[in-house]
Amino acid sequence: MPKMKKHRGAAKRFRVTGTGKVIRKKAYNSHLFTGKSAKRKRSLEKEVEVSPADSSNVRKILGIGIHR
């Protein structure tokens, strides 16, 4: 059997830390910045952990943690 390919779209959007957390970027950070406060724009730059409910699905399509 050939190896399973990881979902390339997901691979570009998520990363896994050394401790196994799945990290993502925040949404609403591409345009229409004039209506957003500086505080909100700074907060949108940060990365956040994927919610536990979605984490297992993201790991599955990335091909991580299947063998565990």
N, C-alpha and C. Protein backbone atom coordinates (compact mmCIF):
# COMPACT_ATOMS: atom_id res chain seq x y z
N MET A 1 0.84 -1.19 0.00
CA MET A 1 0.00 0.00 0.00
C MET A 1 0.88 1.25 0.00
N PRO A 2 0.50 2.26 -0.79
CA PRO A 2 1.25 3.51 -0.75
C PRO A 2 0.93 4.29 0.53
N LYS A 3 1.79 5.23 0.85
CA LYS A 3 1.56 6.06 2.04
C LYS A 3 0.39 7.01 1.77
N MET A 4 -0.32 7.38 2.84
CA MET A 4 -1.39 8.36 2.72
C MET A 4 -0.77 9.74 2.55
N LYS A 5 -1.35 10.54 1.66
CA LYS A 5 -0.87 11.91 1.50
C LYS A 5 -1.56 12.80 2.51
N LYS A 6 -0.81 13.78 3.02
CA LYS A 6 -1.44 14.73 3.92
C LYS A 6 -2.21 15.76 3.11
N HIS A 7 -3.20 16.35 3.69
CA HIS A 7 -4.04 17.36 3.04
C HIS A 7 -3.20 18.62 2.89
N ARG A 8 -2.81 18.95 1.67
CA ARG A 8 -1.86 20.04 1.45
C ARG A 8 -2.42 21.40 1.87
N GLY A 9 -3.72 21.60 1.70
CA GLY A 9 -4.33 22.86 2.13
C GLY A 9 -4.24 23.02 3.63
N ALA A 10 -4.48 21.93 4.35
CA ALA A 10 -4.41 21.97 5.81
C ALA A 10 -2.96 22.12 6.28
N ALA A 11 -2.04 21.50 5.57
CA ALA A 11 -0.63 21.55 5.95
C ALA A 11 -0.11 22.99 5.91
N LYS A 12 -0.68 23.81 5.04
CA LYS A 12 -0.25 25.21 4.94
C LYS A 12 -0.90 26.08 6.02
N ARG A 13 -1.97 25.60 6.63
CA ARG A 13 -2.73 26.42 7.59
C ARG A 13 -2.47 26.07 9.05
N PHE A 14 -2.00 24.86 9.31
CA PHE A 14 -1.81 24.42 10.69
C PHE A 14 -0.39 23.95 10.88
N ARG A 15 0.09 24.03 12.14
CA ARG A 15 1.37 23.42 12.48
C ARG A 15 1.24 22.81 13.86
N VAL A 16 2.10 21.87 14.14
CA VAL A 16 2.06 21.17 15.43
C VAL A 16 3.32 21.52 16.20
N THR A 17 3.14 21.90 17.46
CA THR A 17 4.28 22.27 18.29
C THR A 17 4.99 21.02 18.78
N GLY A 18 6.10 21.21 19.45
CA GLY A 18 6.86 20.10 19.99
C GLY A 18 6.10 19.32 21.04
N THR A 19 5.20 20.02 21.76
CA THR A 19 4.42 19.36 22.79
C THR A 19 3.14 18.73 22.24
N GLY A 20 2.90 18.90 20.92
CA GLY A 20 1.76 18.24 20.29
C GLY A 20 0.53 19.09 20.12
N LYS A 21 0.61 20.39 20.46
CA LYS A 21 -0.54 21.27 20.26
C LYS A 21 -0.65 21.65 18.79
N VAL A 22 -1.88 21.78 18.30
CA VAL A 22 -2.11 22.21 16.92
C VAL A 22 -2.36 23.71 16.94
N ILE A 23 -1.60 24.46 16.14
CA ILE A 23 -1.64 25.92 16.13
C ILE A 23 -2.21 26.41 14.81
N ARG A 24 -2.99 27.50 14.87
CA ARG A 24 -3.55 28.11 13.66
C ARG A 24 -3.45 29.62 13.75
N LYS A 25 -3.60 30.30 12.62
CA LYS A 25 -3.65 31.76 12.58
C LYS A 25 -5.09 32.20 12.82
N LYS A 26 -5.28 33.44 13.21
CA LYS A 26 -6.62 33.97 13.41
C LYS A 26 -7.19 34.47 12.09
N ALA A 27 -8.50 34.49 11.99
CA ALA A 27 -9.19 34.96 10.79
C ALA A 27 -9.35 36.49 10.83
N TYR A 28 -9.91 37.05 9.77
CA TYR A 28 -10.21 38.50 9.65
C TYR A 28 -8.96 39.35 9.65
N ASN A 29 -7.90 38.86 9.04
CA ASN A 29 -6.64 39.59 9.07
C ASN A 29 -6.08 39.80 7.67
N SER A 30 -6.95 40.06 6.69
CA SER A 30 -6.44 40.25 5.34
C SER A 30 -6.77 41.60 4.73
N HIS A 31 -7.89 42.21 5.11
CA HIS A 31 -8.24 43.53 4.56
C HIS A 31 -9.24 44.22 5.48
N LEU A 32 -9.69 45.41 5.08
CA LEU A 32 -10.63 46.24 5.87
C LEU A 32 -10.05 46.59 7.24
N PHE A 33 -8.79 47.02 7.26
CA PHE A 33 -8.12 47.31 8.53
C PHE A 33 -8.50 48.67 9.10
N THR A 34 -9.06 49.56 8.28
CA THR A 34 -9.37 50.91 8.80
C THR A 34 -10.45 50.87 9.86
N GLY A 35 -11.33 49.88 9.81
CA GLY A 35 -12.39 49.78 10.80
C GLY A 35 -12.00 49.02 12.04
N LYS A 36 -10.75 48.56 12.12
CA LYS A 36 -10.30 47.75 13.25
C LYS A 36 -9.32 48.55 14.10
N SER A 37 -9.44 48.44 15.40
CA SER A 37 -8.55 49.16 16.30
C SER A 37 -7.15 48.54 16.25
N ALA A 38 -6.18 49.32 16.69
CA ALA A 38 -4.79 48.84 16.70
C ALA A 38 -4.67 47.63 17.63
N LYS A 39 -5.38 47.66 18.74
CA LYS A 39 -5.35 46.55 19.69
C LYS A 39 -5.87 45.28 19.04
N ARG A 40 -6.96 45.41 18.29
CA ARG A 40 -7.55 44.24 17.63
C ARG A 40 -6.63 43.70 16.55
N LYS A 41 -5.98 44.61 15.80
CA LYS A 41 -5.06 44.18 14.74
C LYS A 41 -3.85 43.45 15.32
N ARG A 42 -3.34 43.92 16.45
CA ARG A 42 -2.21 43.24 17.11
C ARG A 42 -2.63 41.86 17.57
N SER A 43 -3.85 41.77 18.09
CA SER A 43 -4.33 40.47 18.57
C SER A 43 -4.54 39.49 17.42
N LEU A 44 -4.89 39.99 16.25
CA LEU A 44 -5.11 39.11 15.09
C LEU A 44 -3.80 38.54 14.54
N GLU A 45 -2.68 39.17 14.86
CA GLU A 45 -1.38 38.68 14.38
C GLU A 45 -0.97 37.39 15.07
N LYS A 46 -1.46 37.18 16.29
CA LYS A 46 -1.02 36.05 17.10
C LYS A 46 -1.61 34.73 16.61
N GLU A 47 -0.91 33.67 16.94
CA GLU A 47 -1.41 32.33 16.63
C GLU A 47 -2.08 31.77 17.87
N VAL A 48 -3.09 30.94 17.66
CA VAL A 48 -3.82 30.34 18.78
C VAL A 48 -3.90 28.84 18.60
N GLU A 49 -4.21 28.16 19.69
CA GLU A 49 -4.35 26.71 19.65
C GLU A 49 -5.71 26.35 19.07
N VAL A 50 -5.75 25.31 18.25
CA VAL A 50 -7.01 24.82 17.69
C VAL A 50 -7.84 24.23 18.83
N SER A 51 -9.16 24.42 18.77
CA SER A 51 -10.02 23.92 19.84
C SER A 51 -9.92 22.40 19.92
N PRO A 52 -10.06 21.84 21.11
CA PRO A 52 -9.95 20.39 21.27
C PRO A 52 -10.95 19.62 20.40
N ALA A 53 -12.11 20.22 20.15
CA ALA A 53 -13.12 19.54 19.33
C ALA A 53 -12.65 19.36 17.90
N ASP A 54 -11.87 20.32 17.38
CA ASP A 54 -11.41 20.25 16.00
C ASP A 54 -10.02 19.63 15.88
N SER A 55 -9.31 19.58 16.98
CA SER A 55 -7.92 19.16 16.97
C SER A 55 -7.73 17.75 16.38
N SER A 56 -8.61 16.83 16.77
CA SER A 56 -8.45 15.45 16.29
C SER A 56 -8.67 15.36 14.78
N ASN A 57 -9.63 16.13 14.26
CA ASN A 57 -9.87 16.12 12.81
C ASN A 57 -8.70 16.71 12.05
N VAL A 58 -8.12 17.77 12.57
CA VAL A 58 -6.97 18.41 11.91
C VAL A 58 -5.79 17.45 11.90
N ARG A 59 -5.55 16.78 13.04
CA ARG A 59 -4.45 15.81 13.11
C ARG A 59 -4.64 14.70 12.09
N LYS A 60 -5.89 14.28 11.91
CA LYS A 60 -6.19 13.19 10.99
C LYS A 60 -5.83 13.56 9.55
N ILE A 61 -6.24 14.78 9.13
CA ILE A 61 -5.97 15.16 7.74
C ILE A 61 -4.51 15.54 7.52
N LEU A 62 -3.79 15.85 8.62
CA LEU A 62 -2.36 16.10 8.51
C LEU A 62 -1.55 14.82 8.58
N GLY A 63 -2.21 13.73 8.95
CA GLY A 63 -1.51 12.45 9.06
C GLY A 63 -0.64 12.36 10.28
N ILE A 64 -1.04 13.06 11.36
CA ILE A 64 -0.27 13.07 12.59
C ILE A 64 -1.04 12.33 13.67
N GLY A 65 -0.35 11.50 14.41
CA GLY A 65 -0.97 10.85 15.55
C GLY A 65 -1.82 9.65 15.20
N ILE A 66 -1.74 9.18 13.96
CA ILE A 66 -2.54 8.01 13.56
C ILE A 66 -1.96 6.74 14.19
N HIS A 67 -0.63 6.68 14.28
CA HIS A 67 0.02 5.49 14.79
C HIS A 67 0.05 5.41 16.31
N ARG A 68 -0.39 6.48 17.00
CA ARG A 68 -0.33 6.49 18.47
C ARG A 68 -1.47 5.75 19.08
